[in-house]
């Protein structure tokens, strides 16, 4: 599963006061002015706050994905009952399951066609579940879709605030830049976005953005541009 990196934010921050000399990265002691001490203290506080924010966001996204697949906990870390409801699965196999009613039949068909084309071209399997917890097949989708290392399970659920949640197979995790998923969520998944444009716009644009990214060769700048079909 794609994570949110806190690299560069975990090293100890130099704390300064009026009586102690700081040991900087060069291991050389320096005498600094009161103004410098204040500036560094502000930088330390800002960095600590950013690190905590990123760690909380990473935990929230991870929890959301777990709920989507195993109904264990919410991004707010509240305990929710597991869901395993195969009765909500379609009788015939499909790569798009919309138990929440966010998509029109035409949108479902176009998304399924896009997914089929992507799989034939790249071998990567995109699967889409639109749900409104607890109205979800939950655990049952794992076996139904045969989720593996080449799979991306995209779960759209507005109950998590950010409607976009992803479970990413290990092969895709190596292929796609990690920040693609976070940037994608920030663009099409925010509550403001889907409230203003509709859940269907978030889902359709996300599918098209993933399709475009997964077709790009591995390179510097891969998946840099995030575009949806409805923009």
C-alpha atoms as a PDB file:
ATOM      1  CA  UNK A   1       0.000   0.000   0.000  1.00  0.00           C
ATOM      2  CA  UNK A   2       1.311   3.448  -0.838  1.00  0.00           C
ATOM      3  CA  UNK A   3       2.382   5.428   2.186  1.00  0.00           C
ATOM      4  CA  UNK A   4       3.092   9.037   3.011  1.00  0.00           C
ATOM      5  CA  UNK A   5       6.772   9.660   3.511  1.00  0.00           C
ATOM      6  CA  UNK A   6       8.030  11.454   6.579  1.00  0.00           C
ATOM      7  CA  UNK A   7      11.647  11.088   5.482  1.00  0.00           C
ATOM      8  CA  UNK A   8      13.774  14.016   6.516  1.00  0.00           C
ATOM      9  CA  UNK A   9      11.442  14.866   9.369  1.00  0.00           C
ATOM     10  CA  UNK A  10      12.460  12.182  11.827  1.00  0.00           C
ATOM     11  CA  UNK A  11      16.000  13.274  12.725  1.00  0.00           C
ATOM     12  CA  UNK A  12      16.369  14.858  16.176  1.00  0.00           C
ATOM     13  CA  UNK A  13      15.795  18.594  16.100  1.00  0.00           C
ATOM     14  CA  UNK A  14      18.397  20.813  17.726  1.00  0.00           C
ATOM     15  CA  UNK A  15      16.877  22.461  20.783  1.00  0.00           C
ATOM     16  CA  UNK A  16      18.474  25.722  21.853  1.00  0.00           C
ATOM     17  CA  UNK A  17      18.330  27.709  25.048  1.00  0.00           C
ATOM     18  CA  UNK A  18      20.194  30.596  26.549  1.00  0.00           C
ATOM     19  CA  UNK A  19      22.662  28.437  28.508  1.00  0.00           C
ATOM     20  CA  UNK A  20      23.581  25.625  26.113  1.00  0.00           C
ATOM     21  CA  UNK A  21      25.477  25.478  22.856  1.00  0.00           C
ATOM     22  CA  UNK A  22      23.834  23.411  20.116  1.00  0.00           C
ATOM     23  CA  UNK A  23      25.588  20.473  18.513  1.00  0.00           C
ATOM     24  CA  UNK A  24      24.871  20.916  14.803  1.00  0.00           C
ATOM     25  CA  UNK A  25      25.101  18.362  11.978  1.00  0.00           C
ATOM     26  CA  UNK A  26      28.831  19.071  11.593  1.00  0.00           C
ATOM     27  CA  UNK A  27      29.327  18.147  15.274  1.00  0.00           C
ATOM     28  CA  UNK A  28      30.964  21.553  15.800  1.00  0.00           C
ATOM     29  CA  UNK A  29      29.763  23.744  18.634  1.00  0.00           C
ATOM     30  CA  UNK A  30      28.655  27.215  17.682  1.00  0.00           C
ATOM     31  CA  UNK A  31      27.687  30.176  19.766  1.00  0.00           C
ATOM     32  CA  UNK A  32      24.552  31.688  18.351  1.00  0.00           C
ATOM     33  CA  UNK A  33      22.720  34.890  19.010  1.00  0.00           C
ATOM     34  CA  UNK A  34      19.383  35.147  20.760  1.00  0.00           C
ATOM     35  CA  UNK A  35      17.751  35.909  17.403  1.00  0.00           C
ATOM     36  CA  UNK A  36      19.300  32.793  15.849  1.00  0.00           C
ATOM     37  CA  UNK A  37      18.136  30.672  18.771  1.00  0.00           C
ATOM     38  CA  UNK A  38      14.600  31.953  18.330  1.00  0.00           C
ATOM     39  CA  UNK A  39      14.648  31.329  14.583  1.00  0.00           C
ATOM     40  CA  UNK A  40      15.919  27.773  15.020  1.00  0.00           C
ATOM     41  CA  UNK A  41      13.359  27.088  17.740  1.00  0.00           C
ATOM     42  CA  UNK A  42      10.585  28.182  15.385  1.00  0.00           C
ATOM     43  CA  UNK A  43      11.980  25.937  12.641  1.00  0.00           C
ATOM     44  CA  UNK A  44      12.121  22.983  15.029  1.00  0.00           C
ATOM     45  CA  UNK A  45       8.527  23.518  16.121  1.00  0.00           C
ATOM     46  CA  UNK A  46       7.317  23.855  12.535  1.00  0.00           C
ATOM     47  CA  UNK A  47       9.142  20.698  11.496  1.00  0.00           C
ATOM     48  CA  UNK A  48       7.761  18.727  14.431  1.00  0.00           C
ATOM     49  CA  UNK A  49       4.235  19.849  13.592  1.00  0.00           C
ATOM     50  CA  UNK A  50       4.663  18.899   9.928  1.00  0.00           C
ATOM     51  CA  UNK A  51       6.033  15.468  10.845  1.00  0.00           C
ATOM     52  CA  UNK A  52       3.118  14.813  13.198  1.00  0.00           C
ATOM     53  CA  UNK A  53       0.622  15.956  10.564  1.00  0.00           C
ATOM     54  CA  UNK A  54       2.102  13.641   7.933  1.00  0.00           C
ATOM     55  CA  UNK A  55       2.219  10.700  10.322  1.00  0.00           C
ATOM     56  CA  UNK A  56      -1.433  11.240  11.270  1.00  0.00           C
ATOM     57  CA  UNK A  57      -2.425  11.530   7.602  1.00  0.00           C
ATOM     58  CA  UNK A  58      -0.527   8.336   6.759  1.00  0.00           C
ATOM     59  CA  UNK A  59      -2.247   6.481   9.581  1.00  0.00           C
ATOM     60  CA  UNK A  60      -5.613   7.804   8.470  1.00  0.00           C
ATOM     61  CA  UNK A  61      -5.154   6.715   4.857  1.00  0.00           C
ATOM     62  CA  UNK A  62      -3.921   3.289   5.941  1.00  0.00           C
ATOM     63  CA  UNK A  63      -6.902   2.861   8.232  1.00  0.00           C
ATOM     64  CA  UNK A  64      -9.306   3.894   5.482  1.00  0.00           C
ATOM     65  CA  UNK A  65      -7.908   1.311   3.102  1.00  0.00           C
ATOM     66  CA  UNK A  66      -8.064  -1.377   5.768  1.00  0.00           C
ATOM     67  CA  UNK A  67     -11.724  -0.568   6.368  1.00  0.00           C
ATOM     68  CA  UNK A  68     -12.478  -0.717   2.705  1.00  0.00           C
ATOM     69  CA  UNK A  69     -11.088  -4.234   2.526  1.00  0.00           C
ATOM     70  CA  UNK A  70     -11.492  -5.648   5.995  1.00  0.00           C
ATOM     71  CA  UNK A  71     -13.693  -3.179   7.882  1.00  0.00           C
ATOM     72  CA  UNK A  72     -11.433  -2.854  10.894  1.00  0.00           C
ATOM     73  CA  UNK A  73     -11.012   0.821  11.807  1.00  0.00           C
ATOM     74  CA  UNK A  74     -11.867   4.290  10.568  1.00  0.00           C
ATOM     75  CA  UNK A  75      -9.388   7.080   9.794  1.00  0.00           C
ATOM     76  CA  UNK A  76     -10.469   8.621  13.084  1.00  0.00           C
ATOM     77  CA  UNK A  77      -9.245   5.385  14.690  1.00  0.00           C
ATOM     78  CA  UNK A  78     -12.709   4.438  15.902  1.00  0.00           C
ATOM     79  CA  UNK A  79     -13.392   0.710  15.997  1.00  0.00           C
ATOM     80  CA  UNK A  80     -15.914  -0.424  13.398  1.00  0.00           C
ATOM     81  CA  UNK A  81     -17.481  -3.818  12.913  1.00  0.00           C
ATOM     82  CA  UNK A  82     -15.989  -5.971  10.142  1.00  0.00           C
ATOM     83  CA  UNK A  83     -18.121  -6.455   7.041  1.00  0.00           C
ATOM     84  CA  UNK A  84     -18.158  -9.564   4.863  1.00  0.00           C
ATOM     85  CA  UNK A  85     -21.276  -9.432   2.734  1.00  0.00           C
ATOM     86  CA  UNK A  86     -20.972 -11.444  -0.510  1.00  0.00           C
ATOM     87  CA  UNK A  87     -24.691 -10.877  -1.125  1.00  0.00           C
ATOM     88  CA  UNK A  88     -23.773  -7.394  -2.348  1.00  0.00           C
ATOM     89  CA  UNK A  89     -21.493  -8.795  -5.057  1.00  0.00           C
ATOM     90  CA  UNK A  90     -22.884  -8.879  -8.619  1.00  0.00           C
ATOM     91  CA  UNK A  91     -23.875 -12.292  -9.933  1.00  0.00           C
ATOM     92  CA  UNK A  92     -21.653 -11.794 -12.977  1.00  0.00           C
ATOM     93  CA  UNK A  93     -18.030 -10.745 -12.686  1.00  0.00           C
ATOM     94  CA  UNK A  94     -17.374  -7.035 -13.105  1.00  0.00           C
ATOM     95  CA  UNK A  95     -14.421  -4.787 -12.390  1.00  0.00           C
ATOM     96  CA  UNK A  96     -16.688  -1.973 -11.169  1.00  0.00           C
ATOM     97  CA  UNK A  97     -18.996  -2.455  -8.179  1.00  0.00           C
ATOM     98  CA  UNK A  98     -21.170   0.487  -7.193  1.00  0.00           C
ATOM     99  CA  UNK A  99     -23.252  -0.418  -4.163  1.00  0.00           C
ATOM    100  CA  UNK A 100     -23.574   3.268  -3.241  1.00  0.00           C
ATOM    101  CA  UNK A 101     -25.258   4.361  -6.476  1.00  0.00           C
ATOM    102  CA  UNK A 102     -22.732   7.100  -7.259  1.00  0.00           C
ATOM    103  CA  UNK A 103     -22.318   6.190 -10.940  1.00  0.00           C
ATOM    104  CA  UNK A 104     -24.723   6.068 -13.864  1.00  0.00           C
ATOM    105  CA  UNK A 105     -24.875   2.841 -15.921  1.00  0.00           C
ATOM    106  CA  UNK A 106     -23.075   4.676 -18.722  1.00  0.00           C
ATOM    107  CA  UNK A 107     -20.259   5.765 -16.405  1.00  0.00           C
ATOM    108  CA  UNK A 108     -19.874   2.217 -15.106  1.00  0.00           C
ATOM    109  CA  UNK A 109     -19.596   0.895 -18.653  1.00  0.00           C
ATOM    110  CA  UNK A 110     -16.979   3.457 -19.652  1.00  0.00           C
ATOM    111  CA  UNK A 111     -14.922   2.808 -16.513  1.00  0.00           C
ATOM    112  CA  UNK A 112     -15.094  -0.970 -17.064  1.00  0.00           C
ATOM    113  CA  UNK A 113     -13.995  -0.491 -20.673  1.00  0.00           C
ATOM    114  CA  UNK A 114     -11.086   1.705 -19.576  1.00  0.00           C
ATOM    115  CA  UNK A 115     -10.048  -0.881 -16.983  1.00  0.00           C
ATOM    116  CA  UNK A 116     -10.189  -3.709 -19.531  1.00  0.00           C
ATOM    117  CA  UNK A 117      -8.044  -1.750 -21.978  1.00  0.00           C
ATOM    118  CA  UNK A 118      -5.514  -0.903 -19.256  1.00  0.00           C
ATOM    119  CA  UNK A 119      -5.198  -4.522 -18.147  1.00  0.00           C
ATOM    120  CA  UNK A 120      -4.635  -5.742 -21.692  1.00  0.00           C
ATOM    121  CA  UNK A 121      -2.009  -3.074 -22.326  1.00  0.00           C
ATOM    122  CA  UNK A 122      -0.070  -3.259 -19.045  1.00  0.00           C
ATOM    123  CA  UNK A 123      -1.113  -6.350 -17.074  1.00  0.00           C
ATOM    124  CA  UNK A 124      -2.148  -4.131 -14.170  1.00  0.00           C
ATOM    125  CA  UNK A 125      -5.590  -4.766 -12.691  1.00  0.00           C
ATOM    126  CA  UNK A 126      -7.596  -1.774 -11.552  1.00  0.00           C
ATOM    127  CA  UNK A 127     -10.723  -2.561  -9.553  1.00  0.00           C
ATOM    128  CA  UNK A 128     -13.285  -0.001  -8.389  1.00  0.00           C
ATOM    129  CA  UNK A 129     -15.631  -0.265  -5.420  1.00  0.00           C
ATOM    130  CA  UNK A 130     -18.031   2.587  -4.641  1.00  0.00           C
ATOM    131  CA  UNK A 131     -19.472   2.071  -1.189  1.00  0.00           C
ATOM    132  CA  UNK A 132     -21.092   3.868   1.701  1.00  0.00           C
ATOM    133  CA  UNK A 133     -19.962   2.084   4.844  1.00  0.00           C
ATOM    134  CA  UNK A 134     -21.404  -0.157   6.233  1.00  0.00           C
ATOM    135  CA  UNK A 135     -23.199  -0.861   2.944  1.00  0.00           C
ATOM    136  CA  UNK A 136     -20.295  -2.732   1.362  1.00  0.00           C
ATOM    137  CA  UNK A 137     -19.333  -6.289   0.405  1.00  0.00           C
ATOM    138  CA  UNK A 138     -16.210  -5.723   2.514  1.00  0.00           C
ATOM    139  CA  UNK A 139     -13.916  -8.737   2.776  1.00  0.00           C
ATOM    140  CA  UNK A 140     -15.814 -10.566   0.044  1.00  0.00           C
ATOM    141  CA  UNK A 141     -14.207  -8.471  -2.709  1.00  0.00           C
ATOM    142  CA  UNK A 142     -10.777 -10.017  -2.127  1.00  0.00           C
ATOM    143  CA  UNK A 143     -11.714 -13.446  -3.406  1.00  0.00           C
ATOM    144  CA  UNK A 144     -14.225 -12.089  -5.931  1.00  0.00           C
ATOM    145  CA  UNK A 145     -11.574  -9.983  -7.668  1.00  0.00           C
ATOM    146  CA  UNK A 146      -8.595 -12.237  -6.996  1.00  0.00           C
ATOM    147  CA  UNK A 147      -6.566  -9.313  -5.706  1.00  0.00           C
ATOM    148  CA  UNK A 148      -2.825  -9.833  -6.264  1.00  0.00           C
ATOM    149  CA  UNK A 149       0.473  -7.943  -6.535  1.00  0.00           C
ATOM    150  CA  UNK A 150      -0.575  -6.416  -9.866  1.00  0.00           C
ATOM    151  CA  UNK A 151      -3.847  -5.046  -8.505  1.00  0.00           C
ATOM    152  CA  UNK A 152      -5.006  -1.598  -7.479  1.00  0.00           C
ATOM    153  CA  UNK A 153      -8.229  -1.663  -5.483  1.00  0.00           C
ATOM    154  CA  UNK A 154      -9.752   1.805  -5.560  1.00  0.00           C
ATOM    155  CA  UNK A 155     -12.450   2.271  -2.934  1.00  0.00           C
ATOM    156  CA  UNK A 156     -14.612   5.381  -3.038  1.00  0.00           C
ATOM    157  CA  UNK A 157     -16.343   6.078   0.258  1.00  0.00           C
ATOM    158  CA  UNK A 158     -17.328   9.579   1.421  1.00  0.00           C
ATOM    159  CA  UNK A 159     -17.475   8.492   5.066  1.00  0.00           C
ATOM    160  CA  UNK A 160     -13.699   8.857   5.289  1.00  0.00           C
ATOM    161  CA  UNK A 161     -13.669  12.581   4.419  1.00  0.00           C
ATOM    162  CA  UNK A 162     -11.322  12.099   1.497  1.00  0.00           C
ATOM    163  CA  UNK A 163     -13.328   9.859  -0.797  1.00  0.00           C
ATOM    164  CA  UNK A 164     -10.322   8.177  -2.438  1.00  0.00           C
ATOM    165  CA  UNK A 165      -8.693   5.133  -0.837  1.00  0.00           C
ATOM    166  CA  UNK A 166      -6.291   2.708  -2.481  1.00  0.00           C
ATOM    167  CA  UNK A 167      -4.901  -0.738  -1.806  1.00  0.00           C
ATOM    168  CA  UNK A 168      -1.847  -1.051  -4.025  1.00  0.00           C
ATOM    169  CA  UNK A 169      -0.173  -4.325  -4.984  1.00  0.00           C
ATOM    170  CA  UNK A 170       3.563  -4.617  -4.397  1.00  0.00           C
ATOM    171  CA  UNK A 171       4.438  -4.639  -8.112  1.00  0.00           C
ATOM    172  CA  UNK A 172       2.603  -1.363  -8.627  1.00  0.00           C
ATOM    173  CA  UNK A 173       4.134   0.090  -5.513  1.00  0.00           C
ATOM    174  CA  UNK A 174       7.517  -0.379  -7.185  1.00  0.00           C
ATOM    175  CA  UNK A 175       6.344   0.934 -10.558  1.00  0.00           C
ATOM    176  CA  UNK A 176       4.465   4.076  -9.550  1.00  0.00           C
ATOM    177  CA  UNK A 177       5.939   7.002  -7.581  1.00  0.00           C
ATOM    178  CA  UNK A 178       4.516   6.914  -4.055  1.00  0.00           C
ATOM    179  CA  UNK A 179       3.542  10.571  -4.117  1.00  0.00           C
ATOM    180  CA  UNK A 180       1.263   9.990  -7.109  1.00  0.00           C
ATOM    181  CA  UNK A 181      -1.413   8.469  -4.877  1.00  0.00           C
ATOM    182  CA  UNK A 182      -1.275  11.257  -2.301  1.00  0.00           C
ATOM    183  CA  UNK A 183      -1.353  13.944  -4.984  1.00  0.00           C
ATOM    184  CA  UNK A 184      -4.261  12.166  -6.657  1.00  0.00           C
ATOM    185  CA  UNK A 185      -6.191  12.089  -3.376  1.00  0.00           C
ATOM    186  CA  UNK A 186      -5.451  15.756  -2.797  1.00  0.00           C
ATOM    187  CA  UNK A 187      -6.763  16.698  -6.238  1.00  0.00           C
ATOM    188  CA  UNK A 188      -9.895  14.604  -6.725  1.00  0.00           C
ATOM    189  CA  UNK A 189     -10.637  13.196  -3.273  1.00  0.00           C
ATOM    190  CA  UNK A 190     -11.145  16.127  -0.954  1.00  0.00           C
ATOM    191  CA  UNK A 191     -14.535  16.696   0.593  1.00  0.00           C
ATOM    192  CA  UNK A 192     -14.779  20.070  -1.097  1.00  0.00           C
ATOM    193  CA  UNK A 193     -14.091  18.510  -4.492  1.00  0.00           C
ATOM    194  CA  UNK A 194     -16.680  15.749  -4.326  1.00  0.00           C
ATOM    195  CA  UNK A 195     -19.212  17.981  -2.582  1.00  0.00           C
ATOM    196  CA  UNK A 196     -18.917  20.595  -5.342  1.00  0.00           C
ATOM    197  CA  UNK A 197     -18.602  18.215  -8.304  1.00  0.00           C
ATOM    198  CA  UNK A 198     -20.254  14.989  -7.177  1.00  0.00           C
ATOM    199  CA  UNK A 199     -18.914  11.613  -6.102  1.00  0.00           C
ATOM    200  CA  UNK A 200     -19.119  10.418  -9.701  1.00  0.00           C
ATOM    201  CA  UNK A 201     -16.723  13.153 -10.863  1.00  0.00           C
ATOM    202  CA  UNK A 202     -14.191  12.093  -8.222  1.00  0.00           C
ATOM    203  CA  UNK A 203     -14.440   8.459  -9.261  1.00  0.00           C
ATOM    204  CA  UNK A 204     -14.350   8.967 -13.033  1.00  0.00           C
ATOM    205  CA  UNK A 205     -11.501  11.477 -12.947  1.00  0.00           C
ATOM    206  CA  UNK A 206      -9.515   9.243 -10.612  1.00  0.00           C
ATOM    207  CA  UNK A 207      -9.894   6.211 -12.883  1.00  0.00           C
ATOM    208  CA  UNK A 208      -8.720   8.173 -15.915  1.00  0.00           C
ATOM    209  CA  UNK A 209      -5.770   9.629 -13.980  1.00  0.00           C
ATOM    210  CA  UNK A 210      -4.700   6.152 -12.824  1.00  0.00           C
ATOM    211  CA  UNK A 211      -5.058   4.798 -16.348  1.00  0.00           C
ATOM    212  CA  UNK A 212      -2.834   7.560 -17.699  1.00  0.00           C
ATOM    213  CA  UNK A 213      -0.194   7.073 -15.006  1.00  0.00           C
ATOM    214  CA  UNK A 214       0.032   3.283 -15.326  1.00  0.00           C
ATOM    215  CA  UNK A 215       0.580   3.549 -19.073  1.00  0.00           C
ATOM    216  CA  UNK A 216       3.591   5.818 -18.652  1.00  0.00           C
ATOM    217  CA  UNK A 217       7.079   4.263 -18.808  1.00  0.00           C
ATOM    218  CA  UNK A 218       9.191   4.386 -15.661  1.00  0.00           C
ATOM    219  CA  UNK A 219      11.176   7.610 -15.897  1.00  0.00           C
ATOM    220  CA  UNK A 220      12.045  10.853 -14.178  1.00  0.00           C
ATOM    221  CA  UNK A 221       8.839  12.869 -14.003  1.00  0.00           C
ATOM    222  CA  UNK A 222       6.641   9.784 -14.364  1.00  0.00           C
ATOM    223  CA  UNK A 223       3.008  10.450 -13.425  1.00  0.00           C
ATOM    224  CA  UNK A 224       3.801  14.093 -12.747  1.00  0.00           C
ATOM    225  CA  UNK A 225       0.662  15.395 -14.422  1.00  0.00           C
ATOM    226  CA  UNK A 226      -2.657  14.336 -12.915  1.00  0.00           C
ATOM    227  CA  UNK A 227      -5.541  14.867 -15.319  1.00  0.00           C
ATOM    228  CA  UNK A 228      -9.097  13.635 -15.299  1.00  0.00           C
ATOM    229  CA  UNK A 229     -11.411  13.231 -18.251  1.00  0.00           C
ATOM    230  CA  UNK A 230     -14.043  15.580 -16.796  1.00  0.00           C
ATOM    231  CA  UNK A 231     -11.753  18.580 -16.233  1.00  0.00           C
END
